Amino acid sequence: MATLASSSTLVAPQKPLEDPLAHLPCSTIMEYKKGQNIYSQDQPSTSIYLVIEGKVKVSRMSDDGHQVMVDIYQTDEFFGESALLNLAHRAEQACALENTKLMTWTSAELEDILTKRPRLAVALLQILVQRTIEFGHRIESFSVDNIARRLARSLIRFSDRLGTPEADGSMRMAPFTHELLSQYVGTSREIVTHYMNQFRRQGYLRYSRKGIILYRDAFREWLRQNAH
């Protein structure tokens, strides 16, 4: 009986997540050009942002001055939640990776909306929990994976989040510079270039200035076969 109960628990359908967009009123739309800073250490965020169009890179500056990419956010995704803490010093910055449109709410506006629409608080909490779980997986990868495996996992994750499926089963992504990938993986641009060239020679991906074509299933098999 216990085994059956355990099995039924494992296959129980996941409760649908709350949609924050269903509880947020429309707000001001701001436009940013490719490469333009949205906020930085010198001008910290005072608002929560929703991507309407385009892509945004959020990063942090380490103590030694190196830029560490937190993540890339795309249409219908939120960022800038550190504004809710109103900290005097924040090492976070956000930059438009392409021409981008954002909708914004100040922390004061959001607090007022939350008191009137408590389901929004549930939706935002679910987003933050999901991100915490993803960051946990990333920290685990930093602990146990070598650089090649960290890069492979990062490319697979970006293809899942940002890629478009092709007819042959591959995933097409926008072109990411090796510098940007190095900021996410935690290594130098030169080492990322070395492994990207190696993966290309082995047939796991193709890349040019037009974009990256990733053979995701083959990459996942490579990860499985090179577990240690």
C-alpha atoms as a PDB file:
ATOM      1  CA  MET A   1       0.000   0.000   0.000  1.00  0.00           C
ATOM      2  CA  ALA A   2       2.827   2.348   0.913  1.00  0.00           C
ATOM      3  CA  THR A   3       4.461   1.746  -2.454  1.00  0.00           C
ATOM      4  CA  LEU A   4       1.251   2.525  -4.304  1.00  0.00           C
ATOM      5  CA  ALA A   5       0.784   5.688  -2.273  1.00  0.00           C
ATOM      6  CA  SER A   6       4.322   6.770  -3.059  1.00  0.00           C
ATOM      7  CA  SER A   7       3.801   6.125  -6.758  1.00  0.00           C
ATOM      8  CA  SER A   8       0.583   8.117  -6.843  1.00  0.00           C
ATOM      9  CA  THR A   9       2.374  10.995  -5.147  1.00  0.00           C
ATOM     10  CA  LEU A  10       5.145  10.970  -7.722  1.00  0.00           C
ATOM     11  CA  VAL A  11       2.781  11.134 -10.700  1.00  0.00           C
ATOM     12  CA  ALA A  12       0.390  13.708  -9.218  1.00  0.00           C
ATOM     13  CA  PRO A  13      -0.138  16.521 -11.746  1.00  0.00           C
ATOM     14  CA  GLN A  14       1.636  19.777 -11.001  1.00  0.00           C
ATOM     15  CA  LYS A  15      -0.612  22.626  -9.946  1.00  0.00           C
ATOM     16  CA  PRO A  16      -0.524  25.378 -12.600  1.00  0.00           C
ATOM     17  CA  LEU A  17       1.561  28.380 -11.634  1.00  0.00           C
ATOM     18  CA  GLU A  18      -0.060  31.721 -10.960  1.00  0.00           C
ATOM     19  CA  ASP A  19       0.294  34.181 -13.856  1.00  0.00           C
ATOM     20  CA  PRO A  20       1.576  37.543 -12.557  1.00  0.00           C
ATOM     21  CA  LEU A  21       0.452  39.300 -15.751  1.00  0.00           C
ATOM     22  CA  ALA A  22      -3.157  38.524 -14.831  1.00  0.00           C
ATOM     23  CA  HIS A  23      -2.809  40.685 -11.709  1.00  0.00           C
ATOM     24  CA  LEU A  24      -0.652  43.578 -12.905  1.00  0.00           C
ATOM     25  CA  PRO A  25      -2.097  46.759 -14.404  1.00  0.00           C
ATOM     26  CA  CYS A  26      -0.453  48.187 -17.516  1.00  0.00           C
ATOM     27  CA  SER A  27       2.230  50.723 -16.820  1.00  0.00           C
ATOM     28  CA  THR A  28       4.750  52.969 -18.557  1.00  0.00           C
ATOM     29  CA  ILE A  29       6.641  51.403 -21.478  1.00  0.00           C
ATOM     30  CA  MET A  30      10.290  52.405 -21.820  1.00  0.00           C
ATOM     31  CA  GLU A  31      12.541  51.741 -24.815  1.00  0.00           C
ATOM     32  CA  TYR A  32      16.264  50.949 -24.748  1.00  0.00           C
ATOM     33  CA  LYS A  33      18.722  50.612 -27.605  1.00  0.00           C
ATOM     34  CA  LYS A  34      21.011  47.604 -27.979  1.00  0.00           C
ATOM     35  CA  GLY A  35      23.904  47.965 -25.529  1.00  0.00           C
ATOM     36  CA  GLN A  36      22.174  50.617 -23.396  1.00  0.00           C
ATOM     37  CA  ASN A  37      22.282  50.243 -19.615  1.00  0.00           C
ATOM     38  CA  ILE A  38      18.899  49.993 -17.887  1.00  0.00           C
ATOM     39  CA  TYR A  39      20.394  50.324 -14.420  1.00  0.00           C
ATOM     40  CA  SER A  40      23.855  49.934 -12.928  1.00  0.00           C
ATOM     41  CA  GLN A  41      25.856  50.123  -9.713  1.00  0.00           C
ATOM     42  CA  ASP A  42      25.980  53.908 -10.026  1.00  0.00           C
ATOM     43  CA  GLN A  43      22.255  54.148 -10.820  1.00  0.00           C
ATOM     44  CA  PRO A  44      20.620  51.187  -9.041  1.00  0.00           C
ATOM     45  CA  SER A  45      17.189  49.894  -9.954  1.00  0.00           C
ATOM     46  CA  THR A  46      14.177  51.418  -8.208  1.00  0.00           C
ATOM     47  CA  SER A  47      11.653  49.456 -10.254  1.00  0.00           C
ATOM     48  CA  ILE A  48      10.563  45.980 -11.266  1.00  0.00           C
ATOM     49  CA  TYR A  49      10.775  45.445 -15.036  1.00  0.00           C
ATOM     50  CA  LEU A  50       8.798  43.265 -17.440  1.00  0.00           C
ATOM     51  CA  VAL A  51      10.277  42.563 -20.872  1.00  0.00           C
ATOM     52  CA  ILE A  52       7.726  43.420 -23.556  1.00  0.00           C
ATOM     53  CA  GLU A  53      10.098  42.974 -26.486  1.00  0.00           C
ATOM     54  CA  GLY A  54      13.813  42.168 -26.783  1.00  0.00           C
ATOM     55  CA  LYS A  55      16.336  40.604 -24.406  1.00  0.00           C
ATOM     56  CA  VAL A  56      18.091  41.892 -21.277  1.00  0.00           C
ATOM     57  CA  LYS A  57      21.291  40.719 -19.608  1.00  0.00           C
ATOM     58  CA  VAL A  58      21.463  41.050 -15.825  1.00  0.00           C
ATOM     59  CA  SER A  59      24.924  40.748 -14.294  1.00  0.00           C
ATOM     60  CA  ARG A  60      26.865  41.440 -11.133  1.00  0.00           C
ATOM     61  CA  MET A  61      30.346  42.816 -10.563  1.00  0.00           C
ATOM     62  CA  SER A  62      32.652  40.657  -8.465  1.00  0.00           C
ATOM     63  CA  ASP A  63      35.055  42.134  -5.930  1.00  0.00           C
ATOM     64  CA  ASP A  64      37.934  41.790  -8.401  1.00  0.00           C
ATOM     65  CA  GLY A  65      36.025  43.728 -11.080  1.00  0.00           C
ATOM     66  CA  HIS A  66      34.941  40.798 -13.254  1.00  0.00           C
ATOM     67  CA  GLN A  67      31.423  40.753 -14.658  1.00  0.00           C
ATOM     68  CA  VAL A  68      29.358  37.663 -13.781  1.00  0.00           C
ATOM     69  CA  MET A  69      26.169  37.156 -15.778  1.00  0.00           C
ATOM     70  CA  VAL A  70      23.131  36.270 -13.666  1.00  0.00           C
ATOM     71  CA  ASP A  71      20.811  35.485 -16.575  1.00  0.00           C
ATOM     72  CA  ILE A  72      19.195  36.648 -19.812  1.00  0.00           C
ATOM     73  CA  TYR A  73      15.540  37.690 -19.678  1.00  0.00           C
ATOM     74  CA  GLN A  74      13.151  37.763 -22.635  1.00  0.00           C
ATOM     75  CA  THR A  75       9.521  38.625 -23.435  1.00  0.00           C
ATOM     76  CA  ASP A  76       7.084  38.213 -20.506  1.00  0.00           C
ATOM     77  CA  GLU A  77       9.882  37.735 -17.955  1.00  0.00           C
ATOM     78  CA  PHE A  78      10.554  39.939 -14.930  1.00  0.00           C
ATOM     79  CA  PHE A  79      13.848  41.255 -13.554  1.00  0.00           C
ATOM     80  CA  GLY A  80      15.087  43.956 -11.182  1.00  0.00           C
ATOM     81  CA  GLU A  81      13.509  42.430  -8.084  1.00  0.00           C
ATOM     82  CA  SER A  82      16.443  43.660  -5.970  1.00  0.00           C
ATOM     83  CA  ALA A  83      14.662  47.049  -6.006  1.00  0.00           C
ATOM     84  CA  LEU A  84      12.218  45.638  -3.444  1.00  0.00           C
ATOM     85  CA  LEU A  85      15.002  45.544  -0.824  1.00  0.00           C
ATOM     86  CA  ASN A  86      15.992  49.187  -1.343  1.00  0.00           C
ATOM     87  CA  LEU A  87      19.628  48.434  -0.491  1.00  0.00           C
ATOM     88  CA  ALA A  88      22.051  51.342  -0.466  1.00  0.00           C
ATOM     89  CA  HIS A  89      24.742  49.398  -2.357  1.00  0.00           C
ATOM     90  CA  ARG A  90      23.963  46.906  -5.125  1.00  0.00           C
ATOM     91  CA  ALA A  91      26.465  45.299  -7.455  1.00  0.00           C
ATOM     92  CA  GLU A  92      23.806  44.453 -10.047  1.00  0.00           C
ATOM     93  CA  GLN A  93      23.411  45.938 -13.507  1.00  0.00           C
ATOM     94  CA  ALA A  94      21.121  45.342 -16.492  1.00  0.00           C
ATOM     95  CA  CYS A  95      21.849  45.965 -20.164  1.00  0.00           C
ATOM     96  CA  ALA A  96      19.721  45.590 -23.317  1.00  0.00           C
ATOM     97  CA  LEU A  97      21.169  42.840 -25.537  1.00  0.00           C
ATOM     98  CA  GLU A  98      19.046  44.120 -28.426  1.00  0.00           C
ATOM     99  CA  ASN A  99      16.538  46.911 -28.960  1.00  0.00           C
ATOM    100  CA  THR A 100      14.180  46.357 -26.047  1.00  0.00           C
ATOM    101  CA  LYS A 101      10.837  47.551 -24.675  1.00  0.00           C
ATOM    102  CA  LEU A 102      10.118  47.268 -20.956  1.00  0.00           C
ATOM    103  CA  MET A 103       7.145  47.914 -18.719  1.00  0.00           C
ATOM    104  CA  THR A 104       8.062  49.190 -15.253  1.00  0.00           C
ATOM    105  CA  TRP A 105       6.540  49.537 -11.803  1.00  0.00           C
ATOM    106  CA  THR A 106       8.332  51.298  -8.950  1.00  0.00           C
ATOM    107  CA  SER A 107       8.753  49.343  -5.730  1.00  0.00           C
ATOM    108  CA  ALA A 108       6.222  51.679  -4.056  1.00  0.00           C
ATOM    109  CA  GLU A 109       3.678  51.082  -6.836  1.00  0.00           C
ATOM    110  CA  LEU A 110       4.197  47.336  -6.614  1.00  0.00           C
ATOM    111  CA  GLU A 111       3.740  47.298  -2.835  1.00  0.00           C
ATOM    112  CA  ASP A 112       0.454  49.166  -3.281  1.00  0.00           C
ATOM    113  CA  ILE A 113      -0.727  46.707  -5.949  1.00  0.00           C
ATOM    114  CA  LEU A 114       0.232  43.732  -3.753  1.00  0.00           C
ATOM    115  CA  THR A 115      -1.984  44.926  -0.905  1.00  0.00           C
ATOM    116  CA  LYS A 116      -4.948  45.040  -3.306  1.00  0.00           C
ATOM    117  CA  ARG A 117      -4.116  41.892  -5.296  1.00  0.00           C
ATOM    118  CA  PRO A 118      -2.576  39.273  -2.978  1.00  0.00           C
ATOM    119  CA  ARG A 119      -2.518  36.615  -5.740  1.00  0.00           C
ATOM    120  CA  LEU A 120       0.189  38.706  -7.385  1.00  0.00           C
ATOM    121  CA  ALA A 121       2.374  38.075  -4.334  1.00  0.00           C
ATOM    122  CA  VAL A 122       1.882  34.322  -4.834  1.00  0.00           C
ATOM    123  CA  ALA A 123       2.816  34.634  -8.534  1.00  0.00           C
ATOM    124  CA  LEU A 124       5.987  36.630  -7.816  1.00  0.00           C
ATOM    125  CA  LEU A 125       6.975  34.243  -5.023  1.00  0.00           C
ATOM    126  CA  GLN A 126       6.649  31.303  -7.411  1.00  0.00           C
ATOM    127  CA  ILE A 127       8.935  33.055  -9.904  1.00  0.00           C
ATOM    128  CA  LEU A 128      11.536  33.693  -7.199  1.00  0.00           C
ATOM    129  CA  VAL A 129      11.374  30.068  -5.997  1.00  0.00           C
ATOM    130  CA  GLN A 130      11.863  28.817  -9.565  1.00  0.00           C
ATOM    131  CA  ARG A 131      14.908  31.060  -9.945  1.00  0.00           C
ATOM    132  CA  THR A 132      16.304  29.876  -6.609  1.00  0.00           C
ATOM    133  CA  ILE A 133      16.019  26.264  -7.791  1.00  0.00           C
ATOM    134  CA  GLU A 134      17.753  27.121 -11.081  1.00  0.00           C
ATOM    135  CA  PHE A 135      20.537  28.958  -9.239  1.00  0.00           C
ATOM    136  CA  GLY A 136      20.919  25.885  -7.021  1.00  0.00           C
ATOM    137  CA  HIS A 137      21.462  23.700 -10.103  1.00  0.00           C
ATOM    138  CA  ARG A 138      23.980  26.198 -11.421  1.00  0.00           C
ATOM    139  CA  ILE A 139      25.906  26.243  -8.125  1.00  0.00           C
ATOM    140  CA  GLU A 140      25.914  22.441  -8.152  1.00  0.00           C
ATOM    141  CA  SER A 141      27.372  22.500 -11.670  1.00  0.00           C
ATOM    142  CA  PHE A 142      30.112  24.907 -10.530  1.00  0.00           C
ATOM    143  CA  SER A 143      30.943  22.460  -7.728  1.00  0.00           C
ATOM    144  CA  VAL A 144      31.092  19.192  -9.686  1.00  0.00           C
ATOM    145  CA  ASP A 145      31.527  19.989 -13.414  1.00  0.00           C
ATOM    146  CA  ASN A 146      34.610  20.952 -15.352  1.00  0.00           C
ATOM    147  CA  ILE A 147      34.426  23.968 -17.681  1.00  0.00           C
ATOM    148  CA  ALA A 148      33.453  21.942 -20.761  1.00  0.00           C
ATOM    149  CA  ARG A 149      30.469  20.415 -18.949  1.00  0.00           C
ATOM    150  CA  ARG A 150      29.446  23.780 -17.456  1.00  0.00           C
ATOM    151  CA  LEU A 151      29.499  25.310 -20.936  1.00  0.00           C
ATOM    152  CA  ALA A 152      27.486  22.412 -22.373  1.00  0.00           C
ATOM    153  CA  ARG A 153      24.854  22.705 -19.634  1.00  0.00           C
ATOM    154  CA  SER A 154      24.661  26.470 -20.163  1.00  0.00           C
ATOM    155  CA  LEU A 155      24.145  26.113 -23.913  1.00  0.00           C
ATOM    156  CA  ILE A 156      21.426  23.502 -23.375  1.00  0.00           C
ATOM    157  CA  ARG A 157      19.691  25.754 -20.841  1.00  0.00           C
ATOM    158  CA  PHE A 158      19.820  28.766 -23.171  1.00  0.00           C
ATOM    159  CA  SER A 159      18.441  26.642 -26.011  1.00  0.00           C
ATOM    160  CA  ASP A 160      15.561  25.513 -23.764  1.00  0.00           C
ATOM    161  CA  ARG A 161      14.738  29.086 -22.723  1.00  0.00           C
ATOM    162  CA  LEU A 162      15.671  31.153 -25.757  1.00  0.00           C
ATOM    163  CA  GLY A 163      15.907  28.743 -28.692  1.00  0.00           C
ATOM    164  CA  THR A 164      13.593  27.984 -31.617  1.00  0.00           C
ATOM    165  CA  PRO A 165      13.235  24.345 -32.779  1.00  0.00           C
ATOM    166  CA  GLU A 166      14.320  23.522 -36.320  1.00  0.00           C
ATOM    167  CA  ALA A 167      12.941  20.784 -38.607  1.00  0.00           C
ATOM    168  CA  ASP A 168      15.990  18.544 -38.039  1.00  0.00           C
ATOM    169  CA  GLY A 169      15.538  18.581 -34.231  1.00  0.00           C
ATOM    170  CA  SER A 170      18.224  21.174 -33.576  1.00  0.00           C
ATOM    171  CA  MET A 171      17.652  24.432 -31.711  1.00  0.00           C
ATOM    172  CA  ARG A 172      18.423  27.840 -33.205  1.00  0.00           C
ATOM    173  CA  MET A 173      19.523  30.636 -30.897  1.00  0.00           C
ATOM    174  CA  ALA A 174      20.578  34.232 -31.296  1.00  0.00           C
ATOM    175  CA  PRO A 175      24.340  34.763 -31.549  1.00  0.00           C
ATOM    176  CA  PHE A 176      25.962  34.905 -28.107  1.00  0.00           C
ATOM    177  CA  THR A 177      29.461  36.317 -27.919  1.00  0.00           C
ATOM    178  CA  HIS A 178      32.084  34.122 -26.303  1.00  0.00           C
ATOM    179  CA  GLU A 179      32.639  36.950 -23.820  1.00  0.00           C
ATOM    180  CA  LEU A 180      29.000  36.753 -22.721  1.00  0.00           C
ATOM    181  CA  LEU A 181      29.158  32.949 -22.389  1.00  0.00           C
ATOM    182  CA  SER A 182      32.356  33.245 -20.351  1.00  0.00           C
ATOM    183  CA  GLN A 183      30.586  35.615 -17.932  1.00  0.00           C
ATOM    184  CA  TYR A 184      27.891  32.988 -17.394  1.00  0.00           C
ATOM    185  CA  VAL A 185      30.161  29.945 -17.165  1.00  0.00           C
ATOM    186  CA  GLY A 186      32.776  31.613 -14.971  1.00  0.00           C
ATOM    187  CA  THR A 187      35.911  31.414 -17.101  1.00  0.00           C
ATOM    188  CA  SER A 188      37.823  33.387 -19.725  1.00  0.00           C
ATOM    189  CA  ARG A 189      36.685  34.194 -23.252  1.00  0.00           C
ATOM    190  CA  GLU A 190      39.678  32.286 -24.649  1.00  0.00           C
ATOM    191  CA  ILE A 191      38.695  29.065 -22.866  1.00  0.00           C
ATOM    192  CA  VAL A 192      35.088  29.371 -24.070  1.00  0.00           C
ATOM    193  CA  THR A 193      36.373  29.859 -27.639  1.00  0.00           C
ATOM    194  CA  HIS A 194      38.523  26.718 -27.275  1.00  0.00           C
ATOM    195  CA  TYR A 195      35.576  24.550 -26.210  1.00  0.00           C
ATOM    196  CA  MET A 196      33.126  26.103 -28.673  1.00  0.00           C
ATOM    197  CA  ASN A 197      35.538  25.232 -31.492  1.00  0.00           C
ATOM    198  CA  GLN A 198      35.919  21.719 -30.061  1.00  0.00           C
ATOM    199  CA  PHE A 199      32.142  21.212 -29.842  1.00  0.00           C
ATOM    200  CA  ARG A 200      31.788  22.495 -33.412  1.00  0.00           C
ATOM    201  CA  ARG A 201      34.430  20.045 -34.700  1.00  0.00           C
ATOM    202  CA  GLN A 202      32.633  17.212 -32.889  1.00  0.00           C
ATOM    203  CA  GLY A 203      29.324  18.180 -34.541  1.00  0.00           C
ATOM    204  CA  TYR A 204      27.390  19.229 -31.422  1.00  0.00           C
ATOM    205  CA  LEU A 205      26.792  22.763 -32.638  1.00  0.00           C
ATOM    206  CA  ARG A 206      27.343  25.267 -35.411  1.00  0.00           C
ATOM    207  CA  TYR A 207      27.771  28.970 -34.878  1.00  0.00           C
ATOM    208  CA  SER A 208      28.362  32.170 -36.788  1.00  0.00           C
ATOM    209  CA  ARG A 209      27.481  35.846 -36.444  1.00  0.00           C
ATOM    210  CA  LYS A 210      23.930  34.916 -37.441  1.00  0.00           C
ATOM    211  CA  GLY A 211      23.367  32.585 -34.500  1.00  0.00           C
ATOM    212  CA  ILE A 212      24.007  29.225 -32.846  1.00  0.00           C
ATOM    213  CA  ILE A 213      22.553  25.902 -34.021  1.00  0.00           C
ATOM    214  CA  LEU A 214      22.631  23.414 -31.137  1.00  0.00           C
ATOM    215  CA  TYR A 215      22.056  19.666 -31.480  1.00  0.00           C
ATOM    216  CA  ARG A 216      20.585  19.416 -28.009  1.00  0.00           C
ATOM    217  CA  ASP A 217      19.843  15.685 -27.802  1.00  0.00           C
ATOM    218  CA  ALA A 218      23.376  14.817 -28.919  1.00  0.00           C
ATOM    219  CA  PHE A 219      24.746  17.321 -26.386  1.00  0.00           C
ATOM    220  CA  ARG A 220      22.702  15.731 -23.598  1.00  0.00           C
ATOM    221  CA  GLU A 221      24.046  12.317 -24.595  1.00  0.00           C
ATOM    222  CA  TRP A 222      27.583  13.742 -24.491  1.00  0.00           C
ATOM    223  CA  LEU A 223      26.915  14.984 -20.941  1.00  0.00           C
ATOM    224  CA  ARG A 224      25.627  11.547 -19.930  1.00  0.00           C
ATOM    225  CA  GLN A 225      28.626   9.740 -21.389  1.00  0.00           C
ATOM    226  CA  ASN A 226      31.092  12.203 -19.846  1.00  0.00           C
ATOM    227  CA  ALA A 227      29.571  12.197 -16.373  1.00  0.00           C
ATOM    228  CA  HIS A 228      32.976  12.242 -14.674  1.00  0.00           C
END
